[in-house]
Amino acid sequence: MPRLERSEATVPLVLTCPGFPGERQFHQEGTDTRKSRFTDEQIVGFLKQAEAGLPVKELCRRGGFSDATFYKWRARFGGMEASDARMLREVQAENSKLKKLLAEAHLDIEALKVGFGVKR
């Protein structure tokens, strides 16, 4: 059963599911802070094994992940090398940071408009 607990981190309320494999933490904003159990290189390696002819069910059983996870990885990383997958993650992280900066800038602009009484 999930329980609520206070955390000393920047987010005051954290929901944890102890004992659950791949324990997740959900913060108040709803962001999932769980990291992947597998590196980009491992994921690409699994995809290469499947391309080489290893049945997907067997690969998933050996790797300890579901068929759905495999197909999600194949849709995302199919045809990539490990370096390409790593670069994709870096670009996605940078894109996320830029989106947050843009959202903050828009909030600042709206606050200034309200403060100065500018009509739209």
PDB file of N, CA and C in Angstrom:
ATOM      1  N   MET A   1       0.840  -1.183   0.000  1.00  0.00           N
ATOM      2  CA  MET A   1       0.000   0.000   0.000  1.00  0.00           C
ATOM      3  C   MET A   1       0.883   1.243   0.000  1.00  0.00           C
ATOM      4  N   PRO A   2       0.682   2.142  -0.928  1.00  0.00           N
ATOM      5  CA  PRO A   2       1.479   3.371  -0.947  1.00  0.00           C
ATOM      6  C   PRO A   2       1.248   4.190   0.312  1.00  0.00           C
ATOM      7  N   ARG A   3       2.266   4.890   0.739  1.00  0.00           N
ATOM      8  CA  ARG A   3       2.118   5.733   1.918  1.00  0.00           C
ATOM      9  C   ARG A   3       2.667   7.111   1.617  1.00  0.00           C
ATOM     10  N   LEU A   4       2.120   8.084   2.310  1.00  0.00           N
ATOM     11  CA  LEU A   4       2.573   9.459   2.169  1.00  0.00           C
ATOM     12  C   LEU A   4       3.602   9.743   3.242  1.00  0.00           C
ATOM     13  N   GLU A   5       4.649  10.448   2.878  1.00  0.00           N
ATOM     14  CA  GLU A   5       5.651  10.819   3.858  1.00  0.00           C
ATOM     15  C   GLU A   5       6.218  12.180   3.512  1.00  0.00           C
ATOM     16  N   ARG A   6       6.687  12.861   4.510  1.00  0.00           N
ATOM     17  CA  ARG A   6       7.322  14.161   4.304  1.00  0.00           C
ATOM     18  C   ARG A   6       8.777  13.920   3.926  1.00  0.00           C
ATOM     19  N   SER A   7       9.250  14.676   2.979  1.00  0.00           N
ATOM     20  CA  SER A   7      10.627  14.555   2.526  1.00  0.00           C
ATOM     21  C   SER A   7      11.329  15.884   2.759  1.00  0.00           C
ATOM     22  N   GLU A   8      12.629  15.840   3.019  1.00  0.00           N
ATOM     23  CA  GLU A   8      13.398  17.055   3.245  1.00  0.00           C
ATOM     24  C   GLU A   8      13.843  17.688   1.925  1.00  0.00           C
ATOM     25  N   ALA A   9      13.493  17.081   0.810  1.00  0.00           N
ATOM     26  CA  ALA A   9      13.875  17.616  -0.497  1.00  0.00           C
ATOM     27  C   ALA A   9      13.083  18.882  -0.787  1.00  0.00           C
ATOM     28  N   THR A  10      13.276  19.443  -1.958  1.00  0.00           N
ATOM     29  CA  THR A  10      12.601  20.680  -2.313  1.00  0.00           C
ATOM     30  C   THR A  10      11.108  20.497  -2.455  1.00  0.00           C
ATOM     31  N   VAL A  11      10.672  19.282  -2.756  1.00  0.00           N
ATOM     32  CA  VAL A  11       9.250  18.998  -2.881  1.00  0.00           C
ATOM     33  C   VAL A  11       8.769  18.459  -1.544  1.00  0.00           C
ATOM     34  N   PRO A  12       7.759  19.066  -0.925  1.00  0.00           N
ATOM     35  CA  PRO A  12       7.395  18.703   0.437  1.00  0.00           C
ATOM     36  C   PRO A  12       6.696  17.357   0.592  1.00  0.00           C
ATOM     37  N   LEU A  13       6.021  16.845  -0.417  1.00  0.00           N
ATOM     38  CA  LEU A  13       5.247  15.640  -0.243  1.00  0.00           C
ATOM     39  C   LEU A  13       5.642  14.616  -1.296  1.00  0.00           C
ATOM     40  N   VAL A  14       5.984  13.394  -0.842  1.00  0.00           N
ATOM     41  CA  VAL A  14       6.426  12.341  -1.748  1.00  0.00           C
ATOM     42  C   VAL A  14       5.597  11.098  -1.489  1.00  0.00           C
ATOM     43  N   LEU A  15       5.127  10.446  -2.559  1.00  0.00           N
ATOM     44  CA  LEU A  15       4.382   9.204  -2.458  1.00  0.00           C
ATOM     45  C   LEU A  15       5.310   8.080  -2.868  1.00  0.00           C
ATOM     46  N   THR A  16       5.519   7.105  -1.979  1.00  0.00           N
ATOM     47  CA  THR A  16       6.389   5.983  -2.304  1.00  0.00           C
ATOM     48  C   THR A  16       5.606   4.685  -2.234  1.00  0.00           C
ATOM     49  N   CYS A  17       6.051   3.705  -2.968  1.00  0.00           N
ATOM     50  CA  CYS A  17       5.470   2.363  -2.959  1.00  0.00           C
ATOM     51  C   CYS A  17       6.559   1.394  -2.551  1.00  0.00           C
ATOM     52  N   PRO A  18       6.823   1.218  -1.241  1.00  0.00           N
ATOM     53  CA  PRO A  18       7.926   0.363  -0.818  1.00  0.00           C
ATOM     54  C   PRO A  18       7.639  -1.093  -1.146  1.00  0.00           C
ATOM     55  N   GLY A  19       8.706  -1.805  -1.462  1.00  0.00           N
ATOM     56  CA  GLY A  19       8.579  -3.226  -1.740  1.00  0.00           C
ATOM     57  C   GLY A  19       8.137  -3.531  -3.155  1.00  0.00           C
ATOM     58  N   PHE A  20       7.747  -2.530  -3.892  1.00  0.00           N
ATOM     59  CA  PHE A  20       7.314  -2.737  -5.268  1.00  0.00           C
ATOM     60  C   PHE A  20       8.545  -2.770  -6.156  1.00  0.00           C
ATOM     61  N   PRO A  21       8.674  -3.804  -7.024  1.00  0.00           N
ATOM     62  CA  PRO A  21       9.850  -3.852  -7.894  1.00  0.00           C
ATOM     63  C   PRO A  21       9.934  -2.590  -8.744  1.00  0.00           C
ATOM     64  N   GLY A  22      11.093  -1.995  -8.793  1.00  0.00           N
ATOM     65  CA  GLY A  22      11.243  -0.744  -9.534  1.00  0.00           C
ATOM     66  C   GLY A  22      10.519   0.377  -8.818  1.00  0.00           C
ATOM     67  N   GLU A  23      10.694   0.451  -7.505  1.00  0.00           N
ATOM     68  CA  GLU A  23       9.982   1.430  -6.673  1.00  0.00           C
ATOM     69  C   GLU A  23      10.019   2.814  -7.304  1.00  0.00           C
ATOM     70  N   ARG A  24       8.871   3.459  -7.344  1.00  0.00           N
ATOM     71  CA  ARG A  24       8.747   4.775  -7.960  1.00  0.00           C
ATOM     72  C   ARG A  24       8.455   5.809  -6.891  1.00  0.00           C
ATOM     73  N   GLN A  25       8.831   7.024  -7.186  1.00  0.00           N
ATOM     74  CA  GLN A  25       8.469   8.145  -6.334  1.00  0.00           C
ATOM     75  C   GLN A  25       7.736   9.149  -7.201  1.00  0.00           C
ATOM     76  N   PHE A  26       6.544   9.536  -6.758  1.00  0.00           N
ATOM     77  CA  PHE A  26       5.758  10.519  -7.481  1.00  0.00           C
ATOM     78  C   PHE A  26       5.689  11.763  -6.620  1.00  0.00           C
ATOM     79  N   HIS A  27       6.125  12.874  -7.167  1.00  0.00           N
ATOM     80  CA  HIS A  27       6.086  14.131  -6.432  1.00  0.00           C
ATOM     81  C   HIS A  27       4.739  14.794  -6.664  1.00  0.00           C
ATOM     82  N   GLN A  28       4.466  15.834  -5.910  1.00  0.00           N
ATOM     83  CA  GLN A  28       3.187  16.515  -5.996  1.00  0.00           C
ATOM     84  C   GLN A  28       2.855  16.952  -7.409  1.00  0.00           C
ATOM     85  N   GLU A  29       3.850  17.382  -8.164  1.00  0.00           N
ATOM     86  CA  GLU A  29       3.586  17.850  -9.513  1.00  0.00           C
ATOM     87  C   GLU A  29       3.226  16.702 -10.440  1.00  0.00           C
ATOM     88  N   GLY A  30       3.401  15.450  -9.993  1.00  0.00           N
ATOM     89  CA  GLY A  30       3.057  14.306 -10.816  1.00  0.00           C
ATOM     90  C   GLY A  30       4.204  13.822 -11.683  1.00  0.00           C
ATOM     91  N   THR A  31       5.420  14.320 -11.448  1.00  0.00           N
ATOM     92  CA  THR A  31       6.547  13.869 -12.253  1.00  0.00           C
ATOM     93  C   THR A  31       7.078  12.565 -11.690  1.00  0.00           C
ATOM     94  N   ASP A  32       7.481  11.699 -12.572  1.00  0.00           N
ATOM     95  CA  ASP A  32       8.005  10.399 -12.199  1.00  0.00           C
ATOM     96  C   ASP A  32       9.521  10.491 -12.191  1.00  0.00           C
ATOM     97  N   THR A  33      10.143  10.324 -11.021  1.00  0.00           N
ATOM     98  CA  THR A  33      11.581  10.484 -10.925  1.00  0.00           C
ATOM     99  C   THR A  33      12.317   9.170 -11.072  1.00  0.00           C
ATOM    100  N   ARG A  34      11.650   8.124 -11.445  1.00  0.00           N
ATOM    101  CA  ARG A  34      12.279   6.817 -11.577  1.00  0.00           C
ATOM    102  C   ARG A  34      13.200   6.807 -12.792  1.00  0.00           C
ATOM    103  N   LYS A  35      14.388   6.257 -12.597  1.00  0.00           N
ATOM    104  CA  LYS A  35      15.330   6.129 -13.702  1.00  0.00           C
ATOM    105  C   LYS A  35      15.203   4.730 -14.274  1.00  0.00           C
ATOM    106  N   SER A  36      15.570   4.587 -15.525  1.00  0.00           N
ATOM    107  CA  SER A  36      15.505   3.304 -16.188  1.00  0.00           C
ATOM    108  C   SER A  36      16.499   2.337 -15.552  1.00  0.00           C
ATOM    109  N   ARG A  37      16.107   1.082 -15.460  1.00  0.00           N
ATOM    110  CA  ARG A  37      17.016   0.057 -14.948  1.00  0.00           C
ATOM    111  C   ARG A  37      18.093  -0.272 -15.963  1.00  0.00           C
ATOM    112  N   PHE A  38      17.861   0.091 -17.216  1.00  0.00           N
ATOM    113  CA  PHE A  38      18.763  -0.275 -18.292  1.00  0.00           C
ATOM    114  C   PHE A  38      19.366   0.975 -18.929  1.00  0.00           C
ATOM    115  N   THR A  39      20.644   0.877 -19.272  1.00  0.00           N
ATOM    116  CA  THR A  39      21.304   1.987 -19.953  1.00  0.00           C
ATOM    117  C   THR A  39      20.920   1.959 -21.430  1.00  0.00           C
ATOM    118  N   ASP A  40      21.229   3.046 -22.115  1.00  0.00           N
ATOM    119  CA  ASP A  40      20.957   3.111 -23.547  1.00  0.00           C
ATOM    120  C   ASP A  40      21.691   1.996 -24.289  1.00  0.00           C
ATOM    121  N   GLU A  41      22.920   1.723 -23.861  1.00  0.00           N
ATOM    122  CA  GLU A  41      23.703   0.674 -24.510  1.00  0.00           C
ATOM    123  C   GLU A  41      23.044  -0.692 -24.340  1.00  0.00           C
ATOM    124  N   GLN A  42      22.513  -0.963 -23.136  1.00  0.00           N
ATOM    125  CA  GLN A  42      21.837  -2.237 -22.898  1.00  0.00           C
ATOM    126  C   GLN A  42      20.578  -2.355 -23.750  1.00  0.00           C
ATOM    127  N   ILE A  43      19.812  -1.275 -23.846  1.00  0.00           N
ATOM    128  CA  ILE A  43      18.579  -1.293 -24.633  1.00  0.00           C
ATOM    129  C   ILE A  43      18.898  -1.570 -26.097  1.00  0.00           C
ATOM    130  N   VAL A  44      19.892  -0.882 -26.631  1.00  0.00           N
ATOM    131  CA  VAL A  44      20.287  -1.104 -28.020  1.00  0.00           C
ATOM    132  C   VAL A  44      20.783  -2.542 -28.194  1.00  0.00           C
ATOM    133  N   GLY A  45      21.491  -3.062 -27.197  1.00  0.00           N
ATOM    134  CA  GLY A  45      21.953  -4.448 -27.244  1.00  0.00           C
ATOM    135  C   GLY A  45      20.796  -5.429 -27.317  1.00  0.00           C
ATOM    136  N   PHE A  46      19.755  -5.197 -26.527  1.00  0.00           N
ATOM    137  CA  PHE A  46      18.568  -6.066 -26.578  1.00  0.00           C
ATOM    138  C   PHE A  46      17.928  -6.011 -27.963  1.00  0.00           C
ATOM    139  N   LEU A  47      17.827  -4.828 -28.522  1.00  0.00           N
ATOM    140  CA  LEU A  47      17.222  -4.680 -29.849  1.00  0.00           C
ATOM    141  C   LEU A  47      18.055  -5.393 -30.916  1.00  0.00           C
ATOM    142  N   LYS A  48      19.379  -5.323 -30.788  1.00  0.00           N
ATOM    143  CA  LYS A  48      20.254  -6.020 -31.741  1.00  0.00           C
ATOM    144  C   LYS A  48      20.092  -7.536 -31.629  1.00  0.00           C
ATOM    145  N   GLN A  49      19.924  -8.044 -30.395  1.00  0.00           N
ATOM    146  CA  GLN A  49      19.719  -9.482 -30.210  1.00  0.00           C
ATOM    147  C   GLN A  49      18.429  -9.931 -30.883  1.00  0.00           C
ATOM    148  N   ALA A  50      17.397  -9.109 -30.779  1.00  0.00           N
ATOM    149  CA  ALA A  50      16.121  -9.457 -31.424  1.00  0.00           C
ATOM    150  C   ALA A  50      16.267  -9.435 -32.939  1.00  0.00           C
ATOM    151  N   GLU A  51      17.021  -8.470 -33.455  1.00  0.00           N
ATOM    152  CA  GLU A  51      17.254  -8.403 -34.897  1.00  0.00           C
ATOM    153  C   GLU A  51      18.044  -9.612 -35.381  1.00  0.00           C
ATOM    154  N   ALA A  52      18.905 -10.154 -34.510  1.00  0.00           N
ATOM    155  CA  ALA A  52      19.729 -11.306 -34.872  1.00  0.00           C
ATOM    156  C   ALA A  52      18.932 -12.603 -34.882  1.00  0.00           C
ATOM    157  N   GLY A  53      17.683 -12.561 -34.405  1.00  0.00           N
ATOM    158  CA  GLY A  53      16.838 -13.737 -34.488  1.00  0.00           C
ATOM    159  C   GLY A  53      16.384 -14.332 -33.169  1.00  0.00           C
ATOM    160  N   LEU A  54      16.801 -13.783 -32.043  1.00  0.00           N
ATOM    161  CA  LEU A  54      16.344 -14.279 -30.753  1.00  0.00           C
ATOM    162  C   LEU A  54      14.870 -13.925 -30.579  1.00  0.00           C
ATOM    163  N   PRO A  55      14.026 -14.898 -30.246  1.00  0.00           N
ATOM    164  CA  PRO A  55      12.601 -14.593 -30.079  1.00  0.00           C
ATOM    165  C   PRO A  55      12.382 -13.528 -28.992  1.00  0.00           C
ATOM    166  N   VAL A  56      11.435 -12.655 -29.243  1.00  0.00           N
ATOM    167  CA  VAL A  56      11.171 -11.532 -28.341  1.00  0.00           C
ATOM    168  C   VAL A  56      10.769 -12.029 -26.954  1.00  0.00           C
ATOM    169  N   LYS A  57       9.911 -13.049 -26.897  1.00  0.00           N
ATOM    170  CA  LYS A  57       9.482 -13.578 -25.588  1.00  0.00           C
ATOM    171  C   LYS A  57      10.684 -14.057 -24.774  1.00  0.00           C
ATOM    172  N   GLU A  58      11.587 -14.769 -25.426  1.00  0.00           N
ATOM    173  CA  GLU A  58      12.779 -15.284 -24.743  1.00  0.00           C
ATOM    174  C   GLU A  58      13.690 -14.144 -24.292  1.00  0.00           C
ATOM    175  N   LEU A  59      13.880 -13.165 -25.148  1.00  0.00           N
ATOM    176  CA  LEU A  59      14.705 -12.007 -24.824  1.00  0.00           C
ATOM    177  C   LEU A  59      14.138 -11.258 -23.622  1.00  0.00           C
ATOM    178  N   CYS A  60      12.832 -11.065 -23.608  1.00  0.00           N
ATOM    179  CA  CYS A  60      12.186 -10.353 -22.505  1.00  0.00           C
ATOM    180  C   CYS A  60      12.297 -11.140 -21.200  1.00  0.00           C
ATOM    181  N   ARG A  61      12.164 -12.448 -21.290  1.00  0.00           N
ATOM    182  CA  ARG A  61      12.280 -13.290 -20.092  1.00  0.00           C
ATOM    183  C   ARG A  61      13.690 -13.213 -19.527  1.00  0.00           C
ATOM    184  N   ARG A  62      14.688 -13.305 -20.397  1.00  0.00           N
ATOM    185  CA  ARG A  62      16.085 -13.238 -19.953  1.00  0.00           C
ATOM    186  C   ARG A  62      16.435 -11.861 -19.397  1.00  0.00           C
ATOM    187  N   GLY A  63      15.935 -10.826 -20.038  1.00  0.00           N
ATOM    188  CA  GLY A  63      16.264  -9.462 -19.618  1.00  0.00           C
ATOM    189  C   GLY A  63      15.457  -8.970 -18.436  1.00  0.00           C
ATOM    190  N   GLY A  64      14.317  -9.602 -18.171  1.00  0.00           N
ATOM    191  CA  GLY A  64      13.499  -9.188 -17.038  1.00  0.00           C
ATOM    192  C   GLY A  64      12.632  -7.975 -17.318  1.00  0.00           C
ATOM    193  N   PHE A  65      12.135  -7.854 -18.542  1.00  0.00           N
ATOM    194  CA  PHE A  65      11.232  -6.759 -18.881  1.00  0.00           C
ATOM    195  C   PHE A  65      10.089  -7.314 -19.718  1.00  0.00           C
ATOM    196  N   SER A  66       9.043  -6.524 -19.883  1.00  0.00           N
ATOM    197  CA  SER A  66       7.837  -6.994 -20.567  1.00  0.00           C
ATOM    198  C   SER A  66       7.941  -6.830 -22.077  1.00  0.00           C
ATOM    199  N   ASP A  67       7.051  -7.527 -22.773  1.00  0.00           N
ATOM    200  CA  ASP A  67       6.972  -7.384 -24.231  1.00  0.00           C
ATOM    201  C   ASP A  67       6.653  -5.936 -24.602  1.00  0.00           C
ATOM    202  N   ALA A  68       5.748  -5.328 -23.844  1.00  0.00           N
ATOM    203  CA  ALA A  68       5.351  -3.948 -24.133  1.00  0.00           C
ATOM    204  C   ALA A  68       6.549  -3.015 -24.038  1.00  0.00           C
ATOM    205  N   THR A  69       7.397  -3.237 -23.035  1.00  0.00           N
ATOM    206  CA  THR A  69       8.600  -2.420 -22.888  1.00  0.00           C
ATOM    207  C   THR A  69       9.516  -2.602 -24.087  1.00  0.00           C
ATOM    208  N   PHE A  70       9.679  -3.856 -24.528  1.00  0.00           N
ATOM    209  CA  PHE A  70      10.527  -4.117 -25.693  1.00  0.00           C
ATOM    210  C   PHE A  70      10.022  -3.362 -26.906  1.00  0.00           C
ATOM    211  N   TYR A  71       8.718  -3.443 -27.174  1.00  0.00           N
ATOM    212  CA  TYR A  71       8.168  -2.786 -28.366  1.00  0.00           C
ATOM    213  C   TYR A  71       8.217  -1.261 -28.247  1.00  0.00           C
ATOM    214  N   LYS A  72       8.102  -0.747 -27.025  1.00  0.00           N
ATOM    215  CA  LYS A  72       8.251   0.695 -26.813  1.00  0.00           C
ATOM    216  C   LYS A  72       9.683   1.116 -27.126  1.00  0.00           C
ATOM    217  N   TRP A  73      10.650   0.317 -26.659  1.00  0.00           N
ATOM    218  CA  TRP A  73      12.046   0.599 -26.955  1.00  0.00           C
ATOM    219  C   TRP A  73      12.312   0.511 -28.444  1.00  0.00           C
ATOM    220  N   ARG A  74      11.732  -0.495 -29.114  1.00  0.00           N
ATOM    221  CA  ARG A  74      11.967  -0.665 -30.549  1.00  0.00           C
ATOM    222  C   ARG A  74      11.424   0.523 -31.332  1.00  0.00           C
ATOM    223  N   ALA A  75      10.263   1.044 -30.900  1.00  0.00           N
ATOM    224  CA  ALA A  75       9.698   2.214 -31.573  1.00  0.00           C
ATOM    225  C   ALA A  75      10.575   3.443 -31.357  1.00  0.00           C
ATOM    226  N   ARG A  76      11.199   3.523 -30.200  1.00  0.00           N
ATOM    227  CA  ARG A  76      11.982   4.709 -29.866  1.00  0.00           C
ATOM    228  C   ARG A  76      13.429   4.615 -30.343  1.00  0.00           C
ATOM    229  N   PHE A  77      14.061   3.445 -30.152  1.00  0.00           N
ATOM    230  CA  PHE A  77      15.485   3.299 -30.424  1.00  0.00           C
ATOM    231  C   PHE A  77      15.783   2.421 -31.629  1.00  0.00           C
ATOM    232  N   GLY A  78      14.778   1.929 -32.342  1.00  0.00           N
ATOM    233  CA  GLY A  78      15.004   1.016 -33.462  1.00  0.00           C
ATOM    234  C   GLY A  78      15.925   1.604 -34.514  1.00  0.00           C
ATOM    235  N   GLY A  79      16.933   0.844 -34.912  1.00  0.00           N
ATOM    236  CA  GLY A  79      17.857   1.281 -35.943  1.00  0.00           C
ATOM    237  C   GLY A  79      18.953   2.206 -35.463  1.00  0.00           C
ATOM    238  N   MET A  80      19.014   2.475 -34.169  1.00  0.00           N
ATOM    239  CA  MET A  80      20.036   3.384 -33.636  1.00  0.00           C
ATOM    240  C   MET A  80      21.214   2.591 -33.087  1.00  0.00           C
ATOM    241  N   GLU A  81      22.330   3.253 -33.041  1.00  0.00           N
ATOM    242  CA  GLU A  81      23.491   2.745 -32.324  1.00  0.00           C
ATOM    243  C   GLU A  81      23.431   3.323 -30.911  1.00  0.00           C
ATOM    244  N   ALA A  82      24.269   2.796 -30.027  1.00  0.00           N
ATOM    245  CA  ALA A  82      24.268   3.251 -28.631  1.00  0.00           C
ATOM    246  C   ALA A  82      24.577   4.748 -28.534  1.00  0.00           C
ATOM    247  N   SER A  83      25.501   5.225 -29.353  1.00  0.00           N
ATOM    248  CA  SER A  83      25.866   6.645 -29.290  1.00  0.00           C
ATOM    249  C   SER A  83      24.696   7.529 -29.738  1.00  0.00           C
ATOM    250  N   ASP A  84      23.934   7.040 -30.733  1.00  0.00           N
ATOM    251  CA  ASP A  84      22.764   7.798 -31.189  1.00  0.00           C
ATOM    252  C   ASP A  84      21.708   7.878 -30.093  1.00  0.00           C
ATOM    253  N   ALA A  85      21.508   6.757 -29.390  1.00  0.00           N
ATOM    254  CA  ALA A  85      20.511   6.731 -28.321  1.00  0.00           C
ATOM    255  C   ALA A  85      20.923   7.669 -27.187  1.00  0.00           C
ATOM    256  N   ARG A  86      22.211   7.687 -26.870  1.00  0.00           N
ATOM    257  CA  ARG A  86      22.705   8.575 -25.814  1.00  0.00           C
ATOM    258  C   ARG A  86      22.499  10.035 -26.209  1.00  0.00           C
ATOM    259  N   MET A  87      22.790  10.341 -27.479  1.00  0.00           N
ATOM    260  CA  MET A  87      22.617  11.713 -27.959  1.00  0.00           C
ATOM    261  C   MET A  87      21.140  12.107 -27.934  1.00  0.00           C
ATOM    262  N   LEU A  88      20.256  11.171 -28.284  1.00  0.00           N
ATOM    263  CA  LEU A  88      18.816  11.435 -28.239  1.00  0.00           C
ATOM    264  C   LEU A  88      18.388  11.823 -26.831  1.00  0.00           C
ATOM    265  N   ARG A  89      18.841  11.075 -25.829  1.00  0.00           N
ATOM    266  CA  ARG A  89      18.481  11.396 -24.442  1.00  0.00           C
ATOM    267  C   ARG A  89      19.007  12.772 -24.040  1.00  0.00           C
ATOM    268  N   GLU A  90      20.232  13.091 -24.439  1.00  0.00           N
ATOM    269  CA  GLU A  90      20.801  14.390 -24.093  1.00  0.00           C
ATOM    270  C   GLU A  90      20.008  15.526 -24.736  1.00  0.00           C
ATOM    271  N   VAL A  91      19.621  15.341 -25.997  1.00  0.00           N
ATOM    272  CA  VAL A  91      18.847  16.371 -26.694  1.00  0.00           C
ATOM    273  C   VAL A  91      17.471  16.527 -26.045  1.00  0.00           C
ATOM    274  N   GLN A  92      16.855  15.407 -25.653  1.00  0.00           N
ATOM    275  CA  GLN A  92      15.546  15.477 -24.998  1.00  0.00           C
ATOM    276  C   GLN A  92      15.648  16.182 -23.654  1.00  0.00           C
ATOM    277  N   ALA A  93      16.714  15.932 -22.902  1.00  0.00           N
ATOM    278  CA  ALA A  93      16.898  16.613 -21.614  1.00  0.00           C
ATOM    279  C   ALA A  93      17.086  18.110 -21.818  1.00  0.00           C
ATOM    280  N   GLU A  94      17.890  18.490 -22.816  1.00  0.00           N
ATOM    281  CA  GLU A  94      18.096  19.895 -23.100  1.00  0.00           C
ATOM    282  C   GLU A  94      16.795  20.563 -23.547  1.00  0.00           C
ATOM    283  N   ASN A  95      16.021  19.862 -24.371  1.00  0.00           N
ATOM    284  CA  ASN A  95      14.740  20.387 -24.838  1.00  0.00           C
ATOM    285  C   ASN A  95      13.791  20.618 -23.662  1.00  0.00           C
ATOM    286  N   SER A  96      13.780  19.703 -22.726  1.00  0.00           N
ATOM    287  CA  SER A  96      12.929  19.847 -21.541  1.00  0.00           C
ATOM    288  C   SER A  96      13.317  21.082 -20.732  1.00  0.00           C
ATOM    289  N   LYS A  97      14.629  21.287 -20.556  1.00  0.00           N
ATOM    290  CA  LYS A  97      15.094  22.461 -19.810  1.00  0.00           C
ATOM    291  C   LYS A  97      14.702  23.756 -20.518  1.00  0.00           C
ATOM    292  N   LEU A  98      14.839  23.758 -21.839  1.00  0.00           N
ATOM    293  CA  LEU A  98      14.486  24.955 -22.599  1.00  0.00           C
ATOM    294  C   LEU A  98      12.988  25.250 -22.530  1.00  0.00           C
ATOM    295  N   LYS A  99      12.169  24.210 -22.555  1.00  0.00           N
ATOM    296  CA  LYS A  99      10.722  24.406 -22.435  1.00  0.00           C
ATOM    297  C   LYS A  99      10.365  25.006 -21.081  1.00  0.00           C
ATOM    298  N   LYS A 100      11.038  24.550 -20.022  1.00  0.00           N
ATOM    299  CA  LYS A 100      10.778  25.103 -18.696  1.00  0.00           C
ATOM    300  C   LYS A 100      11.189  26.574 -18.627  1.00  0.00           C
ATOM    301  N   LEU A 101      12.335  26.890 -19.213  1.00  0.00           N
ATOM    302  CA  LEU A 101      12.781  28.284 -19.237  1.00  0.00           C
ATOM    303  C   LEU A 101      11.798  29.167 -19.991  1.00  0.00           C
ATOM    304  N   LEU A 102      11.298  28.676 -21.118  1.00  0.00           N
ATOM    305  CA  LEU A 102      10.328  29.436 -21.905  1.00  0.00           C
ATOM    306  C   LEU A 102       9.035  29.657 -21.115  1.00  0.00           C
ATOM    307  N   ALA A 103       8.573  28.622 -20.428  1.00  0.00           N
ATOM    308  CA  ALA A 103       7.349  28.752 -19.628  1.00  0.00           C
ATOM    309  C   ALA A 103       7.535  29.781 -18.518  1.00  0.00           C
ATOM    310  N   GLU A 104       8.703  29.758 -17.871  1.00  0.00           N
ATOM    311  CA  GLU A 104       8.980  30.740 -16.819  1.00  0.00           C
ATOM    312  C   GLU A 104       9.027  32.156 -17.389  1.00  0.00           C
ATOM    313  N   ALA A 105       9.611  32.300 -18.562  1.00  0.00           N
ATOM    314  CA  ALA A 105       9.682  33.620 -19.196  1.00  0.00           C
ATOM    315  C   ALA A 105       8.278  34.142 -19.515  1.00  0.00           C
ATOM    316  N   HIS A 106       7.405  33.263 -20.009  1.00  0.00           N
ATOM    317  CA  HIS A 106       6.030  33.669 -20.294  1.00  0.00           C
ATOM    318  C   HIS A 106       5.299  34.078 -19.016  1.00  0.00           C
ATOM    319  N   LEU A 107       5.544  33.356 -17.934  1.00  0.00           N
ATOM    320  CA  LEU A 107       4.925  33.729 -16.657  1.00  0.00           C
ATOM    321  C   LEU A 107       5.418  35.103 -16.198  1.00  0.00           C
ATOM    322  N   ASP A 108       6.719  35.344 -16.351  1.00  0.00           N
ATOM    323  CA  ASP A 108       7.264  36.650 -15.975  1.00  0.00           C
ATOM    324  C   ASP A 108       6.638  37.766 -16.804  1.00  0.00           C
ATOM    325  N   ILE A 109       6.480  37.548 -18.085  1.00  0.00           N
ATOM    326  CA  ILE A 109       5.870  38.546 -18.967  1.00  0.00           C
ATOM    327  C   ILE A 109       4.434  38.823 -18.547  1.00  0.00           C
ATOM    328  N   GLU A 110       3.679  37.764 -18.263  1.00  0.00           N
ATOM    329  CA  GLU A 110       2.289  37.947 -17.829  1.00  0.00           C
ATOM    330  C   GLU A 110       2.224  38.702 -16.504  1.00  0.00           C
ATOM    331  N   ALA A 111       3.143  38.399 -15.586  1.00  0.00           N
ATOM    332  CA  ALA A 111       3.161  39.097 -14.299  1.00  0.00           C
ATOM    333  C   ALA A 111       3.457  40.581 -14.500  1.00  0.00           C
ATOM    334  N   LEU A 112       4.374  40.898 -15.401  1.00  0.00           N
ATOM    335  CA  LEU A 112       4.685  42.300 -15.677  1.00  0.00           C
ATOM    336  C   LEU A 112       3.505  43.018 -16.316  1.00  0.00           C
ATOM    337  N   LYS A 113       2.808  42.332 -17.204  1.00  0.00           N
ATOM    338  CA  LYS A 113       1.632  42.941 -17.830  1.00  0.00           C
ATOM    339  C   LYS A 113       0.568  43.255 -16.790  1.00  0.00           C
ATOM    340  N   VAL A 114       0.339  42.311 -15.887  1.00  0.00           N
ATOM    341  CA  VAL A 114      -0.656  42.532 -14.842  1.00  0.00           C
ATOM    342  C   VAL A 114      -0.187  43.654 -13.908  1.00  0.00           C
ATOM    343  N   GLY A 115       1.090  43.652 -13.570  1.00  0.00           N
ATOM    344  CA  GLY A 115       1.630  44.674 -12.664  1.00  0.00           C
ATOM    345  C   GLY A 115       1.536  46.070 -13.221  1.00  0.00           C
ATOM    346  N   PHE A 116       1.752  46.229 -14.516  1.00  0.00           N
ATOM    347  CA  PHE A 116       1.700  47.535 -15.145  1.00  0.00           C
ATOM    348  C   PHE A 116       0.342  47.865 -15.734  1.00  0.00           C
ATOM    349  N   GLY A 117      -0.589  46.936 -15.644  1.00  0.00           N
ATOM    350  CA  GLY A 117      -1.937  47.194 -16.115  1.00  0.00           C
ATOM    351  C   GLY A 117      -2.071  47.243 -17.621  1.00  0.00           C
ATOM    352  N   VAL A 118      -1.261  46.504 -18.336  1.00  0.00           N
ATOM    353  CA  VAL A 118      -1.303  46.486 -19.787  1.00  0.00           C
ATOM    354  C   VAL A 118      -2.501  45.648 -20.235  1.00  0.00           C
ATOM    355  N   LYS A 119      -3.303  46.230 -21.149  1.00  0.00           N
ATOM    356  CA  LYS A 119      -4.440  45.466 -21.679  1.00  0.00           C
ATOM    357  C   LYS A 119      -4.000  44.685 -22.893  1.00  0.00           C
ATOM    358  N   ARG A 120      -4.691  43.609 -23.124  1.00  0.00           N
ATOM    359  CA  ARG A 120      -4.327  42.757 -24.268  1.00  0.00           C
ATOM    360  C   ARG A 120      -4.980  43.197 -25.514  1.00  0.00           C
TER     361      ARG A 120
END
